[in-house]
Amino acid sequence: MLLAIPTLLIISPLVGFFLGDLGDRRFHTSPWLSIAGLILGFVAAGREVWLIYRRYLESQER
């Protein structure tokens, strides 16, 4: 379960950045959507890491 954390911390921001870059190319807003996507990717990764860590702690208490 904890092995998913490094993957999340790498993949989520990359996906956010590339989706933002795709939006930048479509709407000609460079670099704003790329930056927003990167930030949202980090936020999503942090949230998922927190949820995984909480599940891990709950399983350790049992």
PDB file of N, CA and C in Angstrom:
ATOM      1  N   MET A   1       0.828  -1.194   0.000  1.00  0.00           N
ATOM      2  CA  MET A   1       0.000   0.000   0.000  1.00  0.00           C
ATOM      3  C   MET A   1       0.874   1.260   0.000  1.00  0.00           C
ATOM      4  N   LEU A   2       1.902   1.281   0.813  1.00  0.00           N
ATOM      5  CA  LEU A   2       2.748   2.470   0.903  1.00  0.00           C
ATOM      6  C   LEU A   2       3.643   2.645  -0.324  1.00  0.00           C
ATOM      7  N   LEU A   3       3.798   1.594  -1.113  1.00  0.00           N
ATOM      8  CA  LEU A   3       4.624   1.699  -2.316  1.00  0.00           C
ATOM      9  C   LEU A   3       3.964   2.557  -3.393  1.00  0.00           C
ATOM     10  N   ALA A   4       2.676   2.819  -3.262  1.00  0.00           N
ATOM     11  CA  ALA A   4       1.973   3.663  -4.233  1.00  0.00           C
ATOM     12  C   ALA A   4       2.301   5.144  -4.049  1.00  0.00           C
ATOM     13  N   ILE A   5       2.802   5.529  -2.899  1.00  0.00           N
ATOM     14  CA  ILE A   5       3.043   6.941  -2.604  1.00  0.00           C
ATOM     15  C   ILE A   5       4.065   7.580  -3.544  1.00  0.00           C
ATOM     16  N   PRO A   6       5.250   6.993  -3.756  1.00  0.00           N
ATOM     17  CA  PRO A   6       6.193   7.645  -4.679  1.00  0.00           C
ATOM     18  C   PRO A   6       5.639   7.769  -6.097  1.00  0.00           C
ATOM     19  N   THR A   7       4.909   6.768  -6.526  1.00  0.00           N
ATOM     20  CA  THR A   7       4.301   6.821  -7.852  1.00  0.00           C
ATOM     21  C   THR A   7       3.302   7.965  -7.946  1.00  0.00           C
ATOM     22  N   LEU A   8       2.484   8.118  -6.931  1.00  0.00           N
ATOM     23  CA  LEU A   8       1.510   9.218  -6.913  1.00  0.00           C
ATOM     24  C   LEU A   8       2.199  10.574  -6.946  1.00  0.00           C
ATOM     25  N   LEU A   9       3.286  10.701  -6.214  1.00  0.00           N
ATOM     26  CA  LEU A   9       3.975  11.985  -6.142  1.00  0.00           C
ATOM     27  C   LEU A   9       4.657  12.353  -7.455  1.00  0.00           C
ATOM     28  N   ILE A  10       4.905  11.377  -8.299  1.00  0.00           N
ATOM     29  CA  ILE A  10       5.528  11.648  -9.592  1.00  0.00           C
ATOM     30  C   ILE A  10       4.484  11.796 -10.694  1.00  0.00           C
ATOM     31  N   ILE A  11       3.548  10.873 -10.753  1.00  0.00           N
ATOM     32  CA  ILE A  11       2.605  10.807 -11.864  1.00  0.00           C
ATOM     33  C   ILE A  11       1.546  11.917 -11.813  1.00  0.00           C
ATOM     34  N   SER A  12       0.992  12.193 -10.639  1.00  0.00           N
ATOM     35  CA  SER A  12      -0.096  13.174 -10.549  1.00  0.00           C
ATOM     36  C   SER A  12       0.297  14.570 -11.046  1.00  0.00           C
ATOM     37  N   PRO A  13       1.419  15.120 -10.600  1.00  0.00           N
ATOM     38  CA  PRO A  13       1.803  16.437 -11.139  1.00  0.00           C
ATOM     39  C   PRO A  13       2.110  16.409 -12.634  1.00  0.00           C
ATOM     40  N   LEU A  14       2.692  15.306 -13.115  1.00  0.00           N
ATOM     41  CA  LEU A  14       2.975  15.204 -14.546  1.00  0.00           C
ATOM     42  C   LEU A  14       1.697  15.190 -15.370  1.00  0.00           C
ATOM     43  N   VAL A  15       0.718  14.431 -14.917  1.00  0.00           N
ATOM     44  CA  VAL A  15      -0.563  14.393 -15.626  1.00  0.00           C
ATOM     45  C   VAL A  15      -1.213  15.769 -15.603  1.00  0.00           C
ATOM     46  N   GLY A  16      -1.192  16.435 -14.446  1.00  0.00           N
ATOM     47  CA  GLY A  16      -1.752  17.776 -14.358  1.00  0.00           C
ATOM     48  C   GLY A  16      -1.060  18.755 -15.284  1.00  0.00           C
ATOM     49  N   PHE A  17       0.266  18.669 -15.346  1.00  0.00           N
ATOM     50  CA  PHE A  17       1.023  19.568 -16.218  1.00  0.00           C
ATOM     51  C   PHE A  17       0.688  19.319 -17.690  1.00  0.00           C
ATOM     52  N   PHE A  18       0.668  18.063 -18.102  1.00  0.00           N
ATOM     53  CA  PHE A  18       0.417  17.771 -19.511  1.00  0.00           C
ATOM     54  C   PHE A  18      -1.024  18.092 -19.922  1.00  0.00           C
ATOM     55  N   LEU A  19      -1.978  17.894 -19.014  1.00  0.00           N
ATOM     56  CA  LEU A  19      -3.350  18.307 -19.329  1.00  0.00           C
ATOM     57  C   LEU A  19      -3.444  19.829 -19.412  1.00  0.00           C
ATOM     58  N   GLY A  20      -2.743  20.527 -18.522  1.00  0.00           N
ATOM     59  CA  GLY A  20      -2.702  21.985 -18.591  1.00  0.00           C
ATOM     60  C   GLY A  20      -2.031  22.474 -19.860  1.00  0.00           C
ATOM     61  N   ASP A  21      -0.961  21.790 -20.272  1.00  0.00           N
ATOM     62  CA  ASP A  21      -0.273  22.145 -21.506  1.00  0.00           C
ATOM     63  C   ASP A  21      -1.181  21.939 -22.720  1.00  0.00           C
ATOM     64  N   LEU A  22      -1.941  20.871 -22.690  1.00  0.00           N
ATOM     65  CA  LEU A  22      -2.916  20.620 -23.766  1.00  0.00           C
ATOM     66  C   LEU A  22      -3.945  21.750 -23.824  1.00  0.00           C
ATOM     67  N   GLY A  23      -4.422  22.174 -22.652  1.00  0.00           N
ATOM     68  CA  GLY A  23      -5.352  23.299 -22.595  1.00  0.00           C
ATOM     69  C   GLY A  23      -4.712  24.599 -23.056  1.00  0.00           C
ATOM     70  N   ASP A  24      -3.437  24.798 -22.696  1.00  0.00           N
ATOM     71  CA  ASP A  24      -2.722  26.001 -23.143  1.00  0.00           C
ATOM     72  C   ASP A  24      -2.634  26.059 -24.662  1.00  0.00           C
ATOM     73  N   ARG A  25      -2.335  24.926 -25.274  1.00  0.00           N
ATOM     74  CA  ARG A  25      -2.237  24.917 -26.738  1.00  0.00           C
ATOM     75  C   ARG A  25      -3.595  25.161 -27.393  1.00  0.00           C
ATOM     76  N   ARG A  26      -4.645  24.646 -26.775  1.00  0.00           N
ATOM     77  CA  ARG A  26      -5.979  24.797 -27.364  1.00  0.00           C
ATOM     78  C   ARG A  26      -6.514  26.222 -27.194  1.00  0.00           C
ATOM     79  N   PHE A  27      -6.306  26.796 -26.009  1.00  0.00           N
ATOM     80  CA  PHE A  27      -6.884  28.107 -25.709  1.00  0.00           C
ATOM     81  C   PHE A  27      -5.875  29.255 -25.778  1.00  0.00           C
ATOM     82  N   HIS A  28      -4.627  28.964 -26.118  1.00  0.00           N
ATOM     83  CA  HIS A  28      -3.568  29.974 -26.253  1.00  0.00           C
ATOM     84  C   HIS A  28      -3.399  30.796 -24.973  1.00  0.00           C
ATOM     85  N   THR A  29      -3.283  30.102 -23.848  1.00  0.00           N
ATOM     86  CA  THR A  29      -3.140  30.764 -22.554  1.00  0.00           C
ATOM     87  C   THR A  29      -1.804  30.459 -21.889  1.00  0.00           C
ATOM     88  N   SER A  30      -0.828  30.090 -22.683  1.00  0.00           N
ATOM     89  CA  SER A  30       0.460  29.638 -22.148  1.00  0.00           C
ATOM     90  C   SER A  30       1.056  30.660 -21.191  1.00  0.00           C
ATOM     91  N   PRO A  31       1.574  30.310 -20.093  1.00  0.00           N
ATOM     92  CA  PRO A  31       1.772  29.043 -19.403  1.00  0.00           C
ATOM     93  C   PRO A  31       0.776  28.816 -18.270  1.00  0.00           C
ATOM     94  N   TRP A  32      -0.309  29.549 -18.241  1.00  0.00           N
ATOM     95  CA  TRP A  32      -1.179  29.579 -17.058  1.00  0.00           C
ATOM     96  C   TRP A  32      -1.881  28.267 -16.769  1.00  0.00           C
ATOM     97  N   LEU A  33      -2.406  27.603 -17.757  1.00  0.00           N
ATOM     98  CA  LEU A  33      -3.083  26.335 -17.497  1.00  0.00           C
ATOM     99  C   LEU A  33      -2.087  25.239 -17.134  1.00  0.00           C
ATOM    100  N   SER A  34      -0.879  25.307 -17.684  1.00  0.00           N
ATOM    101  CA  SER A  34       0.155  24.331 -17.313  1.00  0.00           C
ATOM    102  C   SER A  34       0.518  24.475 -15.838  1.00  0.00           C
ATOM    103  N   ILE A  35       0.668  25.697 -15.397  1.00  0.00           N
ATOM    104  CA  ILE A  35       0.998  25.945 -13.989  1.00  0.00           C
ATOM    105  C   ILE A  35      -0.153  25.519 -13.087  1.00  0.00           C
ATOM    106  N   ALA A  36      -1.368  25.860 -13.482  1.00  0.00           N
ATOM    107  CA  ALA A  36      -2.539  25.464 -12.691  1.00  0.00           C
ATOM    108  C   ALA A  36      -2.670  23.944 -12.639  1.00  0.00           C
ATOM    109  N   GLY A  37      -2.440  23.276 -13.766  1.00  0.00           N
ATOM    110  CA  GLY A  37      -2.503  21.814 -13.784  1.00  0.00           C
ATOM    111  C   GLY A  37      -1.439  21.191 -12.905  1.00  0.00           C
ATOM    112  N   LEU A  38      -0.249  21.756 -12.908  1.00  0.00           N
ATOM    113  CA  LEU A  38       0.836  21.260 -12.065  1.00  0.00           C
ATOM    114  C   LEU A  38       0.476  21.402 -10.589  1.00  0.00           C
ATOM    115  N   ILE A  39      -0.055  22.559 -10.231  1.00  0.00           N
ATOM    116  CA  ILE A  39      -0.453  22.785  -8.837  1.00  0.00           C
ATOM    117  C   ILE A  39      -1.572  21.840  -8.439  1.00  0.00           C
ATOM    118  N   LEU A  40      -2.568  21.683  -9.301  1.00  0.00           N
ATOM    119  CA  LEU A  40      -3.658  20.756  -8.991  1.00  0.00           C
ATOM    120  C   LEU A  40      -3.161  19.317  -8.889  1.00  0.00           C
ATOM    121  N   GLY A  41      -2.167  18.967  -9.696  1.00  0.00           N
ATOM    122  CA  GLY A  41      -1.575  17.634  -9.607  1.00  0.00           C
ATOM    123  C   GLY A  41      -0.898  17.406  -8.268  1.00  0.00           C
ATOM    124  N   PHE A  42      -0.163  18.409  -7.785  1.00  0.00           N
ATOM    125  CA  PHE A  42       0.465  18.288  -6.474  1.00  0.00           C
ATOM    126  C   PHE A  42      -0.578  18.197  -5.361  1.00  0.00           C
ATOM    127  N   VAL A  43      -1.643  18.971  -5.476  1.00  0.00           N
ATOM    128  CA  VAL A  43      -2.705  18.937  -4.465  1.00  0.00           C
ATOM    129  C   VAL A  43      -3.383  17.573  -4.464  1.00  0.00           C
ATOM    130  N   ALA A  44      -3.684  17.051  -5.647  1.00  0.00           N
ATOM    131  CA  ALA A  44      -4.320  15.736  -5.745  1.00  0.00           C
ATOM    132  C   ALA A  44      -3.406  14.639  -5.190  1.00  0.00           C
ATOM    133  N   ALA A  45      -2.113  14.730  -5.491  1.00  0.00           N
ATOM    134  CA  ALA A  45      -1.165  13.742  -4.977  1.00  0.00           C
ATOM    135  C   ALA A  45      -1.080  13.818  -3.455  1.00  0.00           C
ATOM    136  N   GLY A  46      -1.029  15.019  -2.918  1.00  0.00           N
ATOM    137  CA  GLY A  46      -0.971  15.180  -1.467  1.00  0.00           C
ATOM    138  C   GLY A  46      -2.202  14.626  -0.783  1.00  0.00           C
ATOM    139  N   ARG A  47      -3.356  14.858  -1.383  1.00  0.00           N
ATOM    140  CA  ARG A  47      -4.604  14.336  -0.810  1.00  0.00           C
ATOM    141  C   ARG A  47      -4.612  12.812  -0.824  1.00  0.00           C
ATOM    142  N   GLU A  48      -4.214  12.216  -1.920  1.00  0.00           N
ATOM    143  CA  GLU A  48      -4.190  10.761  -2.013  1.00  0.00           C
ATOM    144  C   GLU A  48      -3.167  10.151  -1.060  1.00  0.00           C
ATOM    145  N   VAL A  49      -2.013  10.787  -0.916  1.00  0.00           N
ATOM    146  CA  VAL A  49      -1.008  10.305   0.033  1.00  0.00           C
ATOM    147  C   VAL A  49      -1.576  10.338   1.444  1.00  0.00           C
ATOM    148  N   TRP A  50      -2.262  11.406   1.786  1.00  0.00           N
ATOM    149  CA  TRP A  50      -2.869  11.525   3.110  1.00  0.00           C
ATOM    150  C   TRP A  50      -3.897  10.418   3.333  1.00  0.00           C
ATOM    151  N   LEU A  51      -4.741  10.146   2.340  1.00  0.00           N
ATOM    152  CA  LEU A  51      -5.745   9.096   2.480  1.00  0.00           C
ATOM    153  C   LEU A  51      -5.095   7.714   2.608  1.00  0.00           C
ATOM    154  N   ILE A  52      -4.065   7.450   1.833  1.00  0.00           N
ATOM    155  CA  ILE A  52      -3.361   6.168   1.937  1.00  0.00           C
ATOM    156  C   ILE A  52      -2.717   6.029   3.312  1.00  0.00           C
ATOM    157  N   TYR A  53      -2.113   7.092   3.791  1.00  0.00           N
ATOM    158  CA  TYR A  53      -1.468   7.053   5.101  1.00  0.00           C
ATOM    159  C   TYR A  53      -2.493   6.806   6.214  1.00  0.00           C
ATOM    160  N   ARG A  54      -3.650   7.443   6.114  1.00  0.00           N
ATOM    161  CA  ARG A  54      -4.707   7.207   7.113  1.00  0.00           C
ATOM    162  C   ARG A  54      -5.162   5.758   7.098  1.00  0.00           C
ATOM    163  N   ARG A  55      -5.354   5.181   5.889  1.00  0.00           N
ATOM    164  CA  ARG A  55      -5.743   3.769   5.791  1.00  0.00           C
ATOM    165  C   ARG A  55      -4.666   2.863   6.376  1.00  0.00           C
ATOM    166  N   TYR A  56      -3.408   3.212   6.134  1.00  0.00           N
ATOM    167  CA  TYR A  56      -2.303   2.435   6.686  1.00  0.00           C
ATOM    168  C   TYR A  56      -2.320   2.469   8.214  1.00  0.00           C
ATOM    169  N   LEU A  57      -2.532   3.648   8.794  1.00  0.00           N
ATOM    170  CA  LEU A  57      -2.575   3.757  10.244  1.00  0.00           C
ATOM    171  C   LEU A  57      -3.745   2.980  10.829  1.00  0.00           C
ATOM    172  N   GLU A  58      -4.884   3.033  10.164  1.00  0.00           N
ATOM    173  CA  GLU A  58      -6.044   2.278  10.646  1.00  0.00           C
ATOM    174  C   GLU A  58      -5.778   0.771  10.615  1.00  0.00           C
ATOM    175  N   SER A  59      -5.104   0.303   9.561  1.00  0.00           N
ATOM    176  CA  SER A  59      -4.811  -1.123   9.483  1.00  0.00           C
ATOM    177  C   SER A  59      -3.783  -1.535  10.536  1.00  0.00           C
ATOM    178  N   GLN A  60      -2.880  -0.633  10.928  1.00  0.00           N
ATOM    179  CA  GLN A  60      -1.888  -0.938  11.958  1.00  0.00           C
ATOM    180  C   GLN A  60      -2.505  -0.987  13.351  1.00  0.00           C
ATOM    181  N   GLU A  61      -3.589  -0.232  13.561  1.00  0.00           N
ATOM    182  CA  GLU A  61      -4.241  -0.228  14.869  1.00  0.00           C
ATOM    183  C   GLU A  61      -4.983  -1.522  15.132  1.00  0.00           C
ATOM    184  N   ARG A  62      -5.428  -2.176  14.061  1.00  0.00           N
ATOM    185  CA  ARG A  62      -6.180  -3.427  14.228  1.00  0.00           C
ATOM    186  C   ARG A  62      -5.284  -4.535  14.554  1.00  0.00           C
TER     187      ARG A  62
END
